[in-house]
Each structure stands twice: as C-alpha cells, then as structure tokens.
Amino acid sequence: MKKQSQVLGQCAPSPRITKTAALLVATGLSVPVFILLTLAEFLFF
C-alpha cells in the first residue's frame, strides 16, 4: 500500500480523478482524433 502524504501535519487522501475531469480528458482527446480522421478520409478516400 502507498504511504499517505502529509500536508500541514495532516494525512491527505490520494488524488482521484473526478467524473468531470474524465469527461474533459475524453472530450479533449476525441475531438482532435475525429478531426484528423475526417481530414484523412477526405484527402485519401
């Protein structure tokens, strides 16, 4: 198990990704990939 970090003398919980952050990451990755694939299809097919 990981050692808990100390913040100002208190044990801090480990950082966790939230649903909002996961949605932002997924959207941020999917939009450029969609644009690249659309351009590739337009140019080559």
N, C-alpha and C. Protein backbone atom coordinates (compact mmCIF):
# COMPACT_ATOMS: atom_id res chain seq x y z
N MET A 1 0.83 -1.18 0.00
CA MET A 1 0.00 0.00 0.00
C MET A 1 0.88 1.25 0.00
N LYS A 2 0.40 2.31 -0.61
CA LYS A 2 1.18 3.54 -0.67
C LYS A 2 1.17 4.25 0.68
N LYS A 3 2.25 4.92 0.94
CA LYS A 3 2.34 5.71 2.17
C LYS A 3 1.52 6.99 1.98
N GLN A 4 0.72 7.33 2.97
CA GLN A 4 -0.08 8.55 2.86
C GLN A 4 0.82 9.77 2.96
N SER A 5 0.48 10.80 2.19
CA SER A 5 1.28 12.02 2.24
C SER A 5 0.81 12.91 3.39
N GLN A 6 1.75 13.65 3.90
CA GLN A 6 1.45 14.59 4.99
C GLN A 6 1.36 16.00 4.41
N VAL A 7 0.24 16.66 4.66
CA VAL A 7 0.05 18.04 4.24
C VAL A 7 -0.28 18.85 5.48
N LEU A 8 0.61 19.75 5.83
CA LEU A 8 0.45 20.58 7.03
C LEU A 8 0.19 19.72 8.27
N GLY A 9 0.88 18.60 8.35
CA GLY A 9 0.74 17.73 9.51
C GLY A 9 -0.47 16.82 9.48
N GLN A 10 -1.30 16.91 8.46
CA GLN A 10 -2.49 16.08 8.33
C GLN A 10 -2.26 15.03 7.25
N CYS A 11 -2.85 13.87 7.41
CA CYS A 11 -2.76 12.84 6.37
C CYS A 11 -3.73 13.21 5.25
N ALA A 12 -3.19 13.35 4.05
CA ALA A 12 -4.01 13.75 2.91
C ALA A 12 -4.40 12.52 2.10
N PRO A 13 -5.63 12.46 1.62
CA PRO A 13 -6.02 11.34 0.76
C PRO A 13 -5.34 11.46 -0.60
N SER A 14 -5.17 10.35 -1.28
CA SER A 14 -4.54 10.39 -2.59
C SER A 14 -5.47 11.06 -3.59
N PRO A 15 -4.92 11.77 -4.56
CA PRO A 15 -5.77 12.45 -5.54
C PRO A 15 -6.49 11.43 -6.42
N ARG A 16 -7.75 11.71 -6.72
CA ARG A 16 -8.54 10.84 -7.58
C ARG A 16 -9.13 11.66 -8.70
N ILE A 17 -9.25 11.04 -9.86
CA ILE A 17 -9.84 11.74 -10.99
C ILE A 17 -11.36 11.76 -10.81
N THR A 18 -11.95 12.90 -11.06
CA THR A 18 -13.40 13.03 -10.93
C THR A 18 -14.06 12.71 -12.26
N LYS A 19 -15.37 12.54 -12.23
CA LYS A 19 -16.10 12.24 -13.47
C LYS A 19 -15.99 13.41 -14.44
N THR A 20 -15.99 14.62 -13.92
CA THR A 20 -15.88 15.80 -14.79
C THR A 20 -14.52 15.84 -15.46
N ALA A 21 -13.47 15.56 -14.70
CA ALA A 21 -12.13 15.55 -15.28
C ALA A 21 -12.00 14.44 -16.32
N ALA A 22 -12.58 13.29 -16.05
CA ALA A 22 -12.53 12.19 -17.01
C ALA A 22 -13.26 12.56 -18.29
N LEU A 23 -14.39 13.25 -18.16
CA LEU A 23 -15.14 13.69 -19.34
C LEU A 23 -14.34 14.71 -20.14
N LEU A 24 -13.68 15.64 -19.46
CA LEU A 24 -12.87 16.64 -20.16
C LEU A 24 -11.70 16.00 -20.89
N VAL A 25 -11.05 15.03 -20.27
CA VAL A 25 -9.93 14.34 -20.92
C VAL A 25 -10.42 13.56 -22.13
N ALA A 26 -11.54 12.85 -21.98
CA ALA A 26 -12.08 12.07 -23.09
C ALA A 26 -12.48 12.98 -24.25
N THR A 27 -13.12 14.10 -23.95
CA THR A 27 -13.52 15.04 -25.00
C THR A 27 -12.30 15.68 -25.65
N GLY A 28 -11.34 16.05 -24.83
CA GLY A 28 -10.13 16.68 -25.35
C GLY A 28 -9.33 15.77 -26.26
N LEU A 29 -9.41 14.48 -26.03
CA LEU A 29 -8.70 13.54 -26.90
C LEU A 29 -9.53 13.15 -28.12
N SER A 30 -10.83 13.04 -27.96
CA SER A 30 -11.65 12.54 -29.07
C SER A 30 -11.86 13.58 -30.17
N VAL A 31 -11.94 14.84 -29.82
CA VAL A 31 -12.19 15.87 -30.84
C VAL A 31 -11.04 15.98 -31.84
N PRO A 32 -9.77 16.11 -31.40
CA PRO A 32 -8.69 16.16 -32.39
C PRO A 32 -8.56 14.88 -33.22
N VAL A 33 -8.80 13.73 -32.60
CA VAL A 33 -8.73 12.47 -33.35
C VAL A 33 -9.83 12.44 -34.40
N PHE A 34 -11.03 12.89 -34.06
CA PHE A 34 -12.12 12.94 -35.03
C PHE A 34 -11.76 13.85 -36.20
N ILE A 35 -11.19 15.01 -35.91
CA ILE A 35 -10.82 15.95 -36.97
C ILE A 35 -9.74 15.35 -37.87
N LEU A 36 -8.73 14.72 -37.27
CA LEU A 36 -7.67 14.10 -38.08
C LEU A 36 -8.21 12.98 -38.96
N LEU A 37 -9.06 12.14 -38.41
CA LEU A 37 -9.61 11.04 -39.20
C LEU A 37 -10.53 11.55 -40.31
N THR A 38 -11.28 12.61 -40.04
CA THR A 38 -12.14 13.19 -41.07
C THR A 38 -11.30 13.79 -42.20
N LEU A 39 -10.24 14.49 -41.84
CA LEU A 39 -9.35 15.05 -42.88
C LEU A 39 -8.66 13.95 -43.68
N ALA A 40 -8.23 12.89 -43.01
CA ALA A 40 -7.57 11.79 -43.71
C ALA A 40 -8.54 11.12 -44.68
N GLU A 41 -9.78 10.94 -44.26
CA GLU A 41 -10.76 10.33 -45.14
C GLU A 41 -11.05 11.25 -46.33
N PHE A 42 -11.15 12.53 -46.09
CA PHE A 42 -11.43 13.49 -47.16
C PHE A 42 -10.29 13.53 -48.18
N LEU A 43 -9.04 13.46 -47.70
CA LEU A 43 -7.89 13.58 -48.59
C LEU A 43 -7.57 12.29 -49.33
N PHE A 44 -7.76 11.15 -48.71
CA PHE A 44 -7.25 9.90 -49.28
C PHE A 44 -8.33 8.97 -49.82
N PHE A 45 -9.59 9.20 -49.52
CA PHE A 45 -10.62 8.26 -49.98
C PHE A 45 -11.69 8.95 -50.79
